[in-house]
Amino acid sequence: MTLPAPIETYFTAEAPQDGARFAAAFAPDAIVHDEGRSHRGPAEIEAWWKAAKATYRHRAEPLEVTEARGKTVVRARVSGDFPGSPAVLTFTFGLSGDRIADLRIGG
Protein backbone atom coordinates (compact mmCIF):
# COMPACT_ATOMS: atom_id res chain seq x y z
CA MET A 1 0.00 0.00 0.00
CA THR A 2 1.41 3.35 -1.02
CA LEU A 3 0.50 6.41 1.02
CA PRO A 4 1.18 10.04 0.06
CA ALA A 5 4.34 11.27 1.84
CA PRO A 6 2.64 13.45 4.50
CA ILE A 7 0.24 10.65 5.39
CA GLU A 8 3.14 8.18 5.58
CA THR A 9 4.81 10.61 8.01
CA TYR A 10 1.62 10.72 10.09
CA PHE A 11 1.68 6.96 10.56
CA THR A 12 5.45 6.45 10.95
CA ALA A 13 6.56 9.38 13.16
CA GLU A 14 7.63 8.40 16.67
CA ALA A 15 6.83 10.66 19.64
CA PRO A 16 8.43 12.73 20.92
CA GLN A 17 11.63 12.60 18.83
CA ASP A 18 9.90 13.08 15.45
CA GLY A 19 7.74 16.01 16.59
CA ALA A 20 9.22 18.53 14.15
CA ARG A 21 8.94 16.10 11.22
CA PHE A 22 5.36 15.27 12.24
CA ALA A 23 4.36 18.96 12.49
CA ALA A 24 5.98 19.73 9.12
CA ALA A 25 3.56 17.29 7.45
CA PHE A 26 0.71 19.73 8.20
CA ALA A 27 -0.20 22.91 6.32
CA PRO A 28 0.01 26.20 8.29
CA ASP A 29 -3.80 26.37 8.56
CA ALA A 30 -4.36 22.62 9.06
CA ILE A 31 -7.06 21.30 11.38
CA VAL A 32 -7.43 17.91 13.06
CA HIS A 33 -10.76 16.66 14.44
CA ASP A 34 -10.47 13.88 17.03
CA GLU A 35 -12.60 12.81 20.00
CA GLY A 36 -14.94 15.79 19.61
CA ARG A 37 -12.14 18.36 19.68
CA SER A 38 -10.39 20.40 17.01
CA HIS A 39 -6.69 21.21 16.89
CA ARG A 40 -5.45 23.99 14.58
CA GLY A 41 -2.05 24.68 13.08
CA PRO A 42 1.11 22.56 13.19
CA ALA A 43 2.19 23.59 16.71
CA GLU A 44 -1.19 22.80 18.31
CA ILE A 45 -1.47 19.58 16.30
CA GLU A 46 2.01 18.50 17.40
CA ALA A 47 1.12 19.20 21.06
CA TRP A 48 -2.12 17.16 20.70
CA TRP A 49 -0.19 14.28 19.07
CA LYS A 50 2.53 14.21 21.74
CA ALA A 51 -0.05 14.29 24.55
CA ALA A 52 -2.08 11.48 22.96
CA LYS A 53 1.04 9.37 22.42
CA ALA A 54 2.10 9.89 26.06
CA THR A 55 -1.38 9.03 27.37
CA TYR A 56 -2.36 6.10 25.13
CA ARG A 57 1.05 4.88 23.85
CA HIS A 58 -0.79 3.91 20.68
CA ARG A 59 0.36 2.73 17.29
CA ALA A 60 -1.68 2.79 14.09
CA GLU A 61 -1.16 0.21 11.35
CA PRO A 62 -2.74 1.20 8.01
CA LEU A 63 -4.90 -1.61 6.61
CA GLU A 64 -6.32 -0.05 3.45
CA VAL A 65 -6.38 3.25 1.61
CA THR A 66 -9.09 4.58 -0.68
CA GLU A 67 -10.05 7.90 -2.25
CA ALA A 68 -13.46 9.45 -1.63
CA ARG A 69 -14.69 12.94 -2.54
CA GLY A 70 -11.18 14.30 -2.94
CA LYS A 71 -9.99 12.88 0.39
CA THR A 72 -7.61 10.04 1.20
CA VAL A 73 -9.31 7.59 3.56
CA VAL A 74 -7.13 5.21 5.57
CA ARG A 75 -8.56 2.41 7.71
CA ALA A 76 -6.02 1.53 10.39
CA ARG A 77 -5.77 -0.84 13.33
CA VAL A 78 -4.96 1.26 16.40
CA SER A 79 -3.61 -0.46 19.49
CA GLY A 80 -2.47 1.03 22.78
CA ASP A 81 -3.47 1.73 26.35
CA PHE A 82 -7.18 2.48 25.88
CA PRO A 83 -10.44 0.55 26.36
CA GLY A 84 -11.34 -1.55 23.33
CA SER A 85 -7.77 -1.82 22.03
CA PRO A 86 -7.15 -2.73 19.32
CA ALA A 87 -9.74 -0.83 17.31
CA VAL A 88 -10.10 -0.13 13.61
CA LEU A 89 -10.44 3.61 13.01
CA THR A 90 -10.93 5.67 9.88
CA PHE A 91 -8.53 8.54 9.17
CA THR A 92 -9.86 10.92 6.51
CA PHE A 93 -7.11 13.19 5.18
CA GLY A 94 -7.48 16.28 3.02
CA LEU A 95 -4.25 17.24 1.32
CA SER A 96 -3.06 20.60 0.07
CA GLY A 97 -0.01 20.16 -2.09
CA ASP A 98 2.45 18.07 -0.11
CA ARG A 99 0.89 18.70 3.30
CA ILE A 100 -2.09 17.60 5.34
CA ALA A 101 -4.75 20.33 5.34
CA ASP A 102 -7.36 18.52 7.39
CA LEU A 103 -7.79 15.23 9.20
CA ARG A 104 -10.84 13.65 10.77
CA ILE A 105 -10.38 10.56 12.96
CA GLY A 106 -13.38 8.35 13.66
CA GLY A 107 -14.57 4.85 14.48
PDB file of N, CA and C in Angstrom:
ATOM      1  N   MET A   1       0.855  -1.170   0.000  1.00  0.00           N
ATOM      2  CA  MET A   1       0.000   0.000   0.000  1.00  0.00           C
ATOM      3  C   MET A   1       0.901   1.234   0.000  1.00  0.00           C
ATOM      4  N   THR A   2       0.625   2.127  -0.918  1.00  0.00           N
ATOM      5  CA  THR A   2       1.410   3.350  -1.020  1.00  0.00           C
ATOM      6  C   THR A   2       0.581   4.521  -0.498  1.00  0.00           C
ATOM      7  N   LEU A   3       1.155   5.241   0.450  1.00  0.00           N
ATOM      8  CA  LEU A   3       0.499   6.411   1.015  1.00  0.00           C
ATOM      9  C   LEU A   3       1.226   7.666   0.550  1.00  0.00           C
ATOM     10  N   PRO A   4       0.503   8.772   0.345  1.00  0.00           N
ATOM     11  CA  PRO A   4       1.182  10.035   0.058  1.00  0.00           C
ATOM     12  C   PRO A   4       2.164  10.358   1.193  1.00  0.00           C
ATOM     13  N   ALA A   5       3.265  11.019   0.872  1.00  0.00           N
ATOM     14  CA  ALA A   5       4.342  11.268   1.840  1.00  0.00           C
ATOM     15  C   ALA A   5       3.869  11.864   3.169  1.00  0.00           C
ATOM     16  N   PRO A   6       3.023  12.909   3.190  1.00  0.00           N
ATOM     17  CA  PRO A   6       2.644  13.454   4.500  1.00  0.00           C
ATOM     18  C   PRO A   6       1.823  12.469   5.331  1.00  0.00           C
ATOM     19  N   ILE A   7       1.030  11.642   4.667  1.00  0.00           N
ATOM     20  CA  ILE A   7       0.237  10.646   5.394  1.00  0.00           C
ATOM     21  C   ILE A   7       1.154   9.534   5.909  1.00  0.00           C
ATOM     22  N   GLU A   8       2.133   9.148   5.117  1.00  0.00           N
ATOM     23  CA  GLU A   8       3.136   8.182   5.576  1.00  0.00           C
ATOM     24  C   GLU A   8       3.823   8.712   6.833  1.00  0.00           C
ATOM     25  N   THR A   9       4.183   9.986   6.839  1.00  0.00           N
ATOM     26  CA  THR A   9       4.806  10.606   8.012  1.00  0.00           C
ATOM     27  C   THR A   9       3.875  10.527   9.213  1.00  0.00           C
ATOM     28  N   TYR A  10       2.587  10.787   8.994  1.00  0.00           N
ATOM     29  CA  TYR A  10       1.618  10.721  10.086  1.00  0.00           C
ATOM     30  C   TYR A  10       1.668   9.362  10.770  1.00  0.00           C
ATOM     31  N   PHE A  11       1.732   8.308   9.994  1.00  0.00           N
ATOM     32  CA  PHE A  11       1.685   6.961  10.557  1.00  0.00           C
ATOM     33  C   PHE A  11       3.036   6.428  11.030  1.00  0.00           C
ATOM     34  N   THR A  12       4.145   7.000  10.579  1.00  0.00           N
ATOM     35  CA  THR A  12       5.453   6.453  10.952  1.00  0.00           C
ATOM     36  C   THR A  12       6.223   7.278  11.972  1.00  0.00           C
ATOM     37  N   ALA A  13       5.835   8.527  12.204  1.00  0.00           N
ATOM     38  CA  ALA A  13       6.556   9.379  13.157  1.00  0.00           C
ATOM     39  C   ALA A  13       6.459   8.790  14.560  1.00  0.00           C
ATOM     40  N   GLU A  14       7.552   8.885  15.294  1.00  0.00           N
ATOM     41  CA  GLU A  14       7.625   8.400  16.672  1.00  0.00           C
ATOM     42  C   GLU A  14       7.665   9.604  17.609  1.00  0.00           C
ATOM     43  N   ALA A  15       6.844   9.562  18.653  1.00  0.00           N
ATOM     44  CA  ALA A  15       6.825  10.658  19.637  1.00  0.00           C
ATOM     45  C   ALA A  15       7.809  10.331  20.753  1.00  0.00           C
ATOM     46  N   PRO A  16       8.481  11.320  21.308  1.00  0.00           N
ATOM     47  CA  PRO A  16       8.434  12.729  20.921  1.00  0.00           C
ATOM     48  C   PRO A  16       9.508  13.122  19.912  1.00  0.00           C
ATOM     49  N   GLN A  17      10.446  12.227  19.612  1.00  0.00           N
ATOM     50  CA  GLN A  17      11.630  12.600  18.828  1.00  0.00           C
ATOM     51  C   GLN A  17      11.325  13.096  17.417  1.00  0.00           C
ATOM     52  N   ASP A  18      10.232  12.659  16.817  1.00  0.00           N
ATOM     53  CA  ASP A  18       9.904  13.081  15.450  1.00  0.00           C
ATOM     54  C   ASP A  18       8.885  14.213  15.417  1.00  0.00           C
ATOM     55  N   GLY A  19       8.749  14.947  16.507  1.00  0.00           N
ATOM     56  CA  GLY A  19       7.739  16.005  16.586  1.00  0.00           C
ATOM     57  C   GLY A  19       7.842  17.036  15.489  1.00  0.00           C
ATOM     58  N   ALA A  20       9.045  17.502  15.190  1.00  0.00           N
ATOM     59  CA  ALA A  20       9.215  18.529  14.151  1.00  0.00           C
ATOM     60  C   ALA A  20       8.860  17.970  12.784  1.00  0.00           C
ATOM     61  N   ARG A  21       9.270  16.741  12.509  1.00  0.00           N
ATOM     62  CA  ARG A  21       8.944  16.097  11.225  1.00  0.00           C
ATOM     63  C   ARG A  21       7.436  15.902  11.112  1.00  0.00           C
ATOM     64  N   PHE A  22       6.801  15.463  12.211  1.00  0.00           N
ATOM     65  CA  PHE A  22       5.358  15.274  12.236  1.00  0.00           C
ATOM     66  C   PHE A  22       4.641  16.590  11.948  1.00  0.00           C
ATOM     67  N   ALA A  23       5.006  17.654  12.662  1.00  0.00           N
ATOM     68  CA  ALA A  23       4.363  18.961  12.493  1.00  0.00           C
ATOM     69  C   ALA A  23       4.536  19.489  11.077  1.00  0.00           C
ATOM     70  N   ALA A  24       5.700  19.241  10.476  1.00  0.00           N
ATOM     71  CA  ALA A  24       5.980  19.731   9.125  1.00  0.00           C
ATOM     72  C   ALA A  24       5.109  19.058   8.065  1.00  0.00           C
ATOM     73  N   ALA A  25       4.455  17.958   8.400  1.00  0.00           N
ATOM     74  CA  ALA A  25       3.562  17.286   7.455  1.00  0.00           C
ATOM     75  C   ALA A  25       2.229  18.019   7.313  1.00  0.00           C
ATOM     76  N   PHE A  26       1.976  19.010   8.196  1.00  0.00           N
ATOM     77  CA  PHE A  26       0.707  19.731   8.203  1.00  0.00           C
ATOM     78  C   PHE A  26       0.856  21.129   7.619  1.00  0.00           C
ATOM     79  N   ALA A  27      -0.152  21.549   6.877  1.00  0.00           N
ATOM     80  CA  ALA A  27      -0.201  22.907   6.320  1.00  0.00           C
ATOM     81  C   ALA A  27      -0.324  23.920   7.467  1.00  0.00           C
ATOM     82  N   PRO A  28       0.088  25.173   7.231  1.00  0.00           N
ATOM     83  CA  PRO A  28       0.014  26.197   8.289  1.00  0.00           C
ATOM     84  C   PRO A  28      -1.384  26.380   8.881  1.00  0.00           C
ATOM     85  N   ASP A  29      -2.425  26.188   8.077  1.00  0.00           N
ATOM     86  CA  ASP A  29      -3.796  26.370   8.562  1.00  0.00           C
ATOM     87  C   ASP A  29      -4.530  25.040   8.748  1.00  0.00           C
ATOM     88  N   ALA A  30      -3.773  23.950   8.920  1.00  0.00           N
ATOM     89  CA  ALA A  30      -4.363  22.618   9.062  1.00  0.00           C
ATOM     90  C   ALA A  30      -5.238  22.515  10.299  1.00  0.00           C
ATOM     91  N   ILE A  31      -6.181  21.569  10.239  1.00  0.00           N
ATOM     92  CA  ILE A  31      -7.060  21.302  11.377  1.00  0.00           C
ATOM     93  C   ILE A  31      -7.235  19.786  11.507  1.00  0.00           C
ATOM     94  N   VAL A  32      -7.197  19.318  12.754  1.00  0.00           N
ATOM     95  CA  VAL A  32      -7.427  17.909  13.057  1.00  0.00           C
ATOM     96  C   VAL A  32      -8.643  17.820  13.971  1.00  0.00           C
ATOM     97  N   HIS A  33      -9.572  16.922  13.626  1.00  0.00           N
ATOM     98  CA  HIS A  33     -10.761  16.660  14.441  1.00  0.00           C
ATOM     99  C   HIS A  33     -10.610  15.262  15.029  1.00  0.00           C
ATOM    100  N   ASP A  34     -10.605  15.163  16.363  1.00  0.00           N
ATOM    101  CA  ASP A  34     -10.471  13.875  17.034  1.00  0.00           C
ATOM    102  C   ASP A  34     -11.163  13.947  18.389  1.00  0.00           C
ATOM    103  N   GLU A  35     -11.918  12.924  18.709  1.00  0.00           N
ATOM    104  CA  GLU A  35     -12.604  12.806  19.996  1.00  0.00           C
ATOM    105  C   GLU A  35     -13.395  14.063  20.351  1.00  0.00           C
ATOM    106  N   GLY A  36     -14.093  14.635  19.368  1.00  0.00           N
ATOM    107  CA  GLY A  36     -14.945  15.792  19.609  1.00  0.00           C
ATOM    108  C   GLY A  36     -14.219  17.111  19.789  1.00  0.00           C
ATOM    109  N   ARG A  37     -12.919  17.132  19.536  1.00  0.00           N
ATOM    110  CA  ARG A  37     -12.138  18.361  19.682  1.00  0.00           C
ATOM    111  C   ARG A  37     -11.439  18.678  18.375  1.00  0.00           C
ATOM    112  N   SER A  38     -11.111  19.953  18.196  1.00  0.00           N
ATOM    113  CA  SER A  38     -10.387  20.401  17.009  1.00  0.00           C
ATOM    114  C   SER A  38      -9.052  20.989  17.431  1.00  0.00           C
ATOM    115  N   HIS A  39      -8.039  20.729  16.639  1.00  0.00           N
ATOM    116  CA  HIS A  39      -6.687  21.212  16.893  1.00  0.00           C
ATOM    117  C   HIS A  39      -6.227  21.909  15.620  1.00  0.00           C
ATOM    118  N   ARG A  40      -5.752  23.159  15.748  1.00  0.00           N
ATOM    119  CA  ARG A  40      -5.450  23.990  14.576  1.00  0.00           C
ATOM    120  C   ARG A  40      -3.983  24.383  14.522  1.00  0.00           C
ATOM    121  N   GLY A  41      -3.424  24.265  13.321  1.00  0.00           N
ATOM    122  CA  GLY A  41      -2.048  24.682  13.077  1.00  0.00           C
ATOM    123  C   GLY A  41      -1.041  23.634  13.535  1.00  0.00           C
ATOM    124  N   PRO A  42       0.115  23.586  12.887  1.00  0.00           N
ATOM    125  CA  PRO A  42       1.111  22.565  13.185  1.00  0.00           C
ATOM    126  C   PRO A  42       1.548  22.492  14.649  1.00  0.00           C
ATOM    127  N   ALA A  43       1.723  23.616  15.315  1.00  0.00           N
ATOM    128  CA  ALA A  43       2.189  23.588  16.711  1.00  0.00           C
ATOM    129  C   ALA A  43       1.140  22.963  17.632  1.00  0.00           C
ATOM    130  N   GLU A  44      -0.120  23.364  17.476  1.00  0.00           N
ATOM    131  CA  GLU A  44      -1.193  22.804  18.307  1.00  0.00           C
ATOM    132  C   GLU A  44      -1.402  21.323  17.979  1.00  0.00           C
ATOM    133  N   ILE A  45      -1.310  20.976  16.703  1.00  0.00           N
ATOM    134  CA  ILE A  45      -1.468  19.578  16.296  1.00  0.00           C
ATOM    135  C   ILE A  45      -0.332  18.727  16.859  1.00  0.00           C
ATOM    136  N   GLU A  46       0.883  19.238  16.823  1.00  0.00           N
ATOM    137  CA  GLU A  46       2.011  18.502  17.396  1.00  0.00           C
ATOM    138  C   GLU A  46       1.814  18.297  18.904  1.00  0.00           C
ATOM    139  N   ALA A  47       1.353  19.316  19.616  1.00  0.00           N
ATOM    140  CA  ALA A  47       1.115  19.200  21.060  1.00  0.00           C
ATOM    141  C   ALA A  47       0.040  18.155  21.346  1.00  0.00           C
ATOM    142  N   TRP A  48      -1.050  18.154  20.561  1.00  0.00           N
ATOM    143  CA  TRP A  48      -2.120  17.158  20.704  1.00  0.00           C
ATOM    144  C   TRP A  48      -1.557  15.753  20.483  1.00  0.00           C
ATOM    145  N   TRP A  49      -0.767  15.570  19.425  1.00  0.00           N
ATOM    146  CA  TRP A  49      -0.193  14.276  19.070  1.00  0.00           C
ATOM    147  C   TRP A  49       0.726  13.766  20.177  1.00  0.00           C
ATOM    148  N   LYS A  50       1.607  14.623  20.673  1.00  0.00           N
ATOM    149  CA  LYS A  50       2.529  14.209  21.742  1.00  0.00           C
ATOM    150  C   LYS A  50       1.760  13.822  23.001  1.00  0.00           C
ATOM    151  N   ALA A  51       0.748  14.596  23.360  1.00  0.00           N
ATOM    152  CA  ALA A  51      -0.046  14.293  24.550  1.00  0.00           C
ATOM    153  C   ALA A  51      -0.787  12.966  24.382  1.00  0.00           C
ATOM    154  N   ALA A  52      -1.362  12.736  23.207  1.00  0.00           N
ATOM    155  CA  ALA A  52      -2.081  11.480  22.958  1.00  0.00           C
ATOM    156  C   ALA A  52      -1.126  10.294  23.002  1.00  0.00           C
ATOM    157  N   LYS A  53       0.050  10.445  22.401  1.00  0.00           N
ATOM    158  CA  LYS A  53       1.041   9.365  22.418  1.00  0.00           C
ATOM    159  C   LYS A  53       1.482   9.054  23.846  1.00  0.00           C
ATOM    160  N   ALA A  54       1.674  10.093  24.673  1.00  0.00           N
ATOM    161  CA  ALA A  54       2.095   9.887  26.058  1.00  0.00           C
ATOM    162  C   ALA A  54       0.994   9.210  26.878  1.00  0.00           C
ATOM    163  N   THR A  55      -0.254   9.575  26.615  1.00  0.00           N
ATOM    164  CA  THR A  55      -1.378   9.028  27.370  1.00  0.00           C
ATOM    165  C   THR A  55      -1.717   7.601  26.947  1.00  0.00           C
ATOM    166  N   TYR A  56      -1.846   7.377  25.635  1.00  0.00           N
ATOM    167  CA  TYR A  56      -2.358   6.103  25.130  1.00  0.00           C
ATOM    168  C   TYR A  56      -1.282   5.152  24.614  1.00  0.00           C
ATOM    169  N   ARG A  57      -0.067   5.670  24.405  1.00  0.00           N
ATOM    170  CA  ARG A  57       1.045   4.878  23.853  1.00  0.00           C
ATOM    171  C   ARG A  57       0.554   4.006  22.689  1.00  0.00           C
ATOM    172  N   HIS A  58      -0.145   4.643  21.781  1.00  0.00           N
ATOM    173  CA  HIS A  58      -0.787   3.914  20.685  1.00  0.00           C
ATOM    174  C   HIS A  58       0.066   3.875  19.424  1.00  0.00           C
ATOM    175  N   ARG A  59      -0.231   2.883  18.611  1.00  0.00           N
ATOM    176  CA  ARG A  59       0.355   2.728  17.290  1.00  0.00           C
ATOM    177  C   ARG A  59      -0.791   2.462  16.320  1.00  0.00           C
ATOM    178  N   ALA A  60      -0.651   2.992  15.107  1.00  0.00           N
ATOM    179  CA  ALA A  60      -1.679   2.791  14.089  1.00  0.00           C
ATOM    180  C   ALA A  60      -1.043   2.097  12.895  1.00  0.00           C
ATOM    181  N   GLU A  61      -1.640   0.998  12.493  1.00  0.00           N
ATOM    182  CA  GLU A  61      -1.163   0.212  11.352  1.00  0.00           C
ATOM    183  C   GLU A  61      -2.173   0.348  10.209  1.00  0.00           C
ATOM    184  N   PRO A  62      -1.821   1.062   9.140  1.00  0.00           N
ATOM    185  CA  PRO A  62      -2.741   1.200   8.013  1.00  0.00           C
ATOM    186  C   PRO A  62      -3.106  -0.167   7.428  1.00  0.00           C
ATOM    187  N   LEU A  63      -4.402  -0.365   7.182  1.00  0.00           N
ATOM    188  CA  LEU A  63      -4.900  -1.612   6.611  1.00  0.00           C
ATOM    189  C   LEU A  63      -5.296  -1.453   5.146  1.00  0.00           C
ATOM    190  N   GLU A  64      -5.910  -0.313   4.830  1.00  0.00           N
ATOM    191  CA  GLU A  64      -6.320  -0.051   3.452  1.00  0.00           C
ATOM    192  C   GLU A  64      -6.440   1.444   3.230  1.00  0.00           C
ATOM    193  N   VAL A  65      -6.268   1.834   1.981  1.00  0.00           N
ATOM    194  CA  VAL A  65      -6.376   3.249   1.611  1.00  0.00           C
ATOM    195  C   VAL A  65      -7.284   3.353   0.391  1.00  0.00           C
ATOM    196  N   THR A  66      -8.194   4.316   0.439  1.00  0.00           N
ATOM    197  CA  THR A  66      -9.093   4.579  -0.681  1.00  0.00           C
ATOM    198  C   THR A  66      -9.186   6.090  -0.873  1.00  0.00           C
ATOM    199  N   GLU A  67      -9.781   6.487  -1.971  1.00  0.00           N
ATOM    200  CA  GLU A  67     -10.046   7.897  -2.251  1.00  0.00           C
ATOM    201  C   GLU A  67     -11.558   8.080  -2.276  1.00  0.00           C
ATOM    202  N   ALA A  68     -12.031   9.149  -1.636  1.00  0.00           N
ATOM    203  CA  ALA A  68     -13.460   9.447  -1.629  1.00  0.00           C
ATOM    204  C   ALA A  68     -13.661  10.957  -1.548  1.00  0.00           C
ATOM    205  N   ARG A  69     -14.358  11.503  -2.514  1.00  0.00           N
ATOM    206  CA  ARG A  69     -14.694  12.936  -2.537  1.00  0.00           C
ATOM    207  C   ARG A  69     -13.474  13.822  -2.349  1.00  0.00           C
ATOM    208  N   GLY A  70     -12.385  13.491  -3.007  1.00  0.00           N
ATOM    209  CA  GLY A  70     -11.181  14.302  -2.938  1.00  0.00           C
ATOM    210  C   GLY A  70     -10.361  14.115  -1.678  1.00  0.00           C
ATOM    211  N   LYS A  71     -10.705  13.148  -0.866  1.00  0.00           N
ATOM    212  CA  LYS A  71      -9.994  12.875   0.386  1.00  0.00           C
ATOM    213  C   LYS A  71      -9.328  11.502   0.294  1.00  0.00           C
ATOM    214  N   THR A  72      -8.269  11.333   1.068  1.00  0.00           N
ATOM    215  CA  THR A  72      -7.612  10.039   1.196  1.00  0.00           C
ATOM    216  C   THR A  72      -8.091   9.426   2.498  1.00  0.00           C
ATOM    217  N   VAL A  73      -8.719   8.255   2.397  1.00  0.00           N
ATOM    218  CA  VAL A  73      -9.308   7.593   3.559  1.00  0.00           C
ATOM    219  C   VAL A  73      -8.470   6.361   3.892  1.00  0.00           C
ATOM    220  N   VAL A  74      -7.964   6.324   5.120  1.00  0.00           N
ATOM    221  CA  VAL A  74      -7.134   5.212   5.569  1.00  0.00           C
ATOM    222  C   VAL A  74      -7.832   4.526   6.737  1.00  0.00           C
ATOM    223  N   ARG A  75      -8.087   3.220   6.581  1.00  0.00           N
ATOM    224  CA  ARG A  75      -8.559   2.415   7.715  1.00  0.00           C
ATOM    225  C   ARG A  75      -7.313   1.839   8.361  1.00  0.00           C
ATOM    226  N   ALA A  76      -7.217   1.984   9.689  1.00  0.00           N
ATOM    227  CA  ALA A  76      -6.023   1.530  10.390  1.00  0.00           C
ATOM    228  C   ALA A  76      -6.400   0.844  11.699  1.00  0.00           C
ATOM    229  N   ARG A  77      -5.619  -0.168  12.051  1.00  0.00           N
ATOM    230  CA  ARG A  77      -5.766  -0.843  13.333  1.00  0.00           C
ATOM    231  C   ARG A  77      -4.937  -0.054  14.348  1.00  0.00           C
ATOM    232  N   VAL A  78      -5.615   0.455  15.376  1.00  0.00           N
ATOM    233  CA  VAL A  78      -4.955   1.257  16.401  1.00  0.00           C
ATOM    234  C   VAL A  78      -4.933   0.447  17.693  1.00  0.00           C
ATOM    235  N   SER A  79      -3.742   0.275  18.231  1.00  0.00           N
ATOM    236  CA  SER A  79      -3.609  -0.455  19.489  1.00  0.00           C
ATOM    237  C   SER A  79      -2.825   0.400  20.472  1.00  0.00           C
ATOM    238  N   GLY A  80      -3.148   0.249  21.746  1.00  0.00           N
ATOM    239  CA  GLY A  80      -2.474   1.029  22.778  1.00  0.00           C
ATOM    240  C   GLY A  80      -3.153   0.839  24.109  1.00  0.00           C
ATOM    241  N   ASP A  81      -2.921   1.780  25.008  1.00  0.00           N
ATOM    242  CA  ASP A  81      -3.474   1.733  26.354  1.00  0.00           C
ATOM    243  C   ASP A  81      -4.799   2.481  26.411  1.00  0.00           C
ATOM    244  N   PHE A  82      -5.845   1.880  25.841  1.00  0.00           N
ATOM    245  CA  PHE A  82      -7.178   2.481  25.884  1.00  0.00           C
ATOM    246  C   PHE A  82      -8.204   1.365  25.817  1.00  0.00           C
ATOM    247  N   PRO A  83      -9.398   1.572  26.393  1.00  0.00           N
ATOM    248  CA  PRO A  83     -10.439   0.550  26.357  1.00  0.00           C
ATOM    249  C   PRO A  83     -10.799   0.190  24.915  1.00  0.00           C
ATOM    250  N   GLY A  84     -10.955  -1.097  24.658  1.00  0.00           N
ATOM    251  CA  GLY A  84     -11.336  -1.546  23.328  1.00  0.00           C
ATOM    252  C   GLY A  84     -10.172  -1.761  22.383  1.00  0.00           C
ATOM    253  N   SER A  85      -8.949  -1.619  22.883  1.00  0.00           N
ATOM    254  CA  SER A  85      -7.767  -1.819  22.031  1.00  0.00           C
ATOM    255  C   SER A  85      -7.602  -3.300  21.715  1.00  0.00           C
ATOM    256  N   PRO A  86      -7.286  -3.611  20.472  1.00  0.00           N
ATOM    257  CA  PRO A  86      -7.146  -2.727  19.321  1.00  0.00           C
ATOM    258  C   PRO A  86      -8.502  -2.386  18.710  1.00  0.00           C
ATOM    259  N   ALA A  87      -8.538  -1.279  17.994  1.00  0.00           N
ATOM    260  CA  ALA A  87      -9.743  -0.830  17.313  1.00  0.00           C
ATOM    261  C   ALA A  87      -9.370  -0.428  15.895  1.00  0.00           C
ATOM    262  N   VAL A  88     -10.309  -0.593  14.984  1.00  0.00           N
ATOM    263  CA  VAL A  88     -10.101  -0.131  13.612  1.00  0.00           C
ATOM    264  C   VAL A  88     -10.756   1.237  13.491  1.00  0.00           C
ATOM    265  N   LEU A  89      -9.950   2.239  13.151  1.00  0.00           N
ATOM    266  CA  LEU A  89     -10.438   3.606  13.005  1.00  0.00           C
ATOM    267  C   LEU A  89     -10.244   4.085  11.582  1.00  0.00           C
ATOM    268  N   THR A  90     -11.031   5.066  11.198  1.00  0.00           N
ATOM    269  CA  THR A  90     -10.932   5.666   9.877  1.00  0.00           C
ATOM    270  C   THR A  90     -10.286   7.044  10.010  1.00  0.00           C
ATOM    271  N   PHE A  91      -9.253   7.276   9.210  1.00  0.00           N
ATOM    272  CA  PHE A  91      -8.534   8.540   9.169  1.00  0.00           C
ATOM    273  C   PHE A  91      -8.809   9.156   7.802  1.00  0.00           C
ATOM    274  N   THR A  92      -9.515  10.271   7.762  1.00  0.00           N
ATOM    275  CA  THR A  92      -9.860  10.921   6.508  1.00  0.00           C
ATOM    276  C   THR A  92      -8.997  12.172   6.359  1.00  0.00           C
ATOM    277  N   PHE A  93      -8.085  12.127   5.397  1.00  0.00           N
ATOM    278  CA  PHE A  93      -7.111  13.187   5.177  1.00  0.00           C
ATOM    279  C   PHE A  93      -7.490  14.037   3.979  1.00  0.00           C
ATOM    280  N   GLY A  94      -7.422  15.343   4.135  1.00  0.00           N
ATOM    281  CA  GLY A  94      -7.481  16.276   3.022  1.00  0.00           C
ATOM    282  C   GLY A  94      -6.078  16.806   2.823  1.00  0.00           C
ATOM    283  N   LEU A  95      -5.594  16.774   1.599  1.00  0.00           N
ATOM    284  CA  LEU A  95      -4.247  17.240   1.318  1.00  0.00           C
ATOM    285  C   LEU A  95      -4.282  18.565   0.566  1.00  0.00           C
ATOM    286  N   SER A  96      -3.268  19.372   0.815  1.00  0.00           N
ATOM    287  CA  SER A  96      -3.063  20.602   0.073  1.00  0.00           C
ATOM    288  C   SER A  96      -1.606  20.594  -0.352  1.00  0.00           C
ATOM    289  N   GLY A  97      -1.382  20.324  -1.625  1.00  0.00           N
ATOM    290  CA  GLY A  97      -0.005  20.156  -2.091  1.00  0.00           C
ATOM    291  C   GLY A  97       0.612  18.957  -1.412  1.00  0.00           C
ATOM    292  N   ASP A  98       1.752  19.170  -0.765  1.00  0.00           N
ATOM    293  CA  ASP A  98       2.453  18.068  -0.114  1.00  0.00           C
ATOM    294  C   ASP A  98       2.286  18.092   1.396  1.00  0.00           C
ATOM    295  N   ARG A  99       1.160  18.650   1.862  1.00  0.00           N
ATOM    296  CA  ARG A  99       0.892  18.703   3.304  1.00  0.00           C
ATOM    297  C   ARG A  99      -0.548  18.311   3.618  1.00  0.00           C
ATOM    298  N   ILE A 100      -0.757  17.935   4.864  1.00  0.00           N
ATOM    299  CA  ILE A 100      -2.090  17.595   5.337  1.00  0.00           C
ATOM    300  C   ILE A 100      -2.803  18.905   5.690  1.00  0.00           C
ATOM    301  N   ALA A 101      -3.961  19.125   5.065  1.00  0.00           N
ATOM    302  CA  ALA A 101      -4.750  20.332   5.343  1.00  0.00           C
ATOM    303  C   ALA A 101      -5.813  20.075   6.396  1.00  0.00           C
ATOM    304  N   ASP A 102      -6.367  18.870   6.386  1.00  0.00           N
ATOM    305  CA  ASP A 102      -7.356  18.517   7.394  1.00  0.00           C
ATOM    306  C   ASP A 102      -7.359  17.019   7.608  1.00  0.00           C
ATOM    307  N   LEU A 103      -7.738  16.634   8.814  1.00  0.00           N
ATOM    308  CA  LEU A 103      -7.791  15.229   9.201  1.00  0.00           C
ATOM    309  C   LEU A 103      -8.950  15.039  10.156  1.00  0.00           C
ATOM    310  N   ARG A 104      -9.747  14.030   9.873  1.00  0.00           N
ATOM    311  CA  ARG A 104     -10.845  13.655  10.767  1.00  0.00           C
ATOM    312  C   ARG A 104     -10.627  12.194  11.140  1.00  0.00           C
ATOM    313  N   ILE A 105     -10.591  11.922  12.448  1.00  0.00           N
ATOM    314  CA  ILE A 105     -10.382  10.564  12.957  1.00  0.00           C
ATOM    315  C   ILE A 105     -11.682  10.086  13.568  1.00  0.00           C
ATOM    316  N   GLY A 106     -12.130   8.893  13.150  1.00  0.00           N
ATOM    317  CA  GLY A 106     -13.381   8.353  13.660  1.00  0.00           C
ATOM    318  C   GLY A 106     -13.401   6.844  13.690  1.00  0.00           C
ATOM    319  N   GLY A 107     -14.441   6.301  14.328  1.00  0.00           N
ATOM    320  CA  GLY A 107     -14.570   4.854  14.480  1.00  0.00           C
ATOM    321  C   GLY A 107     -15.097   4.163  13.281  1.00  0.00           C
TER     322      GLY A 107
END
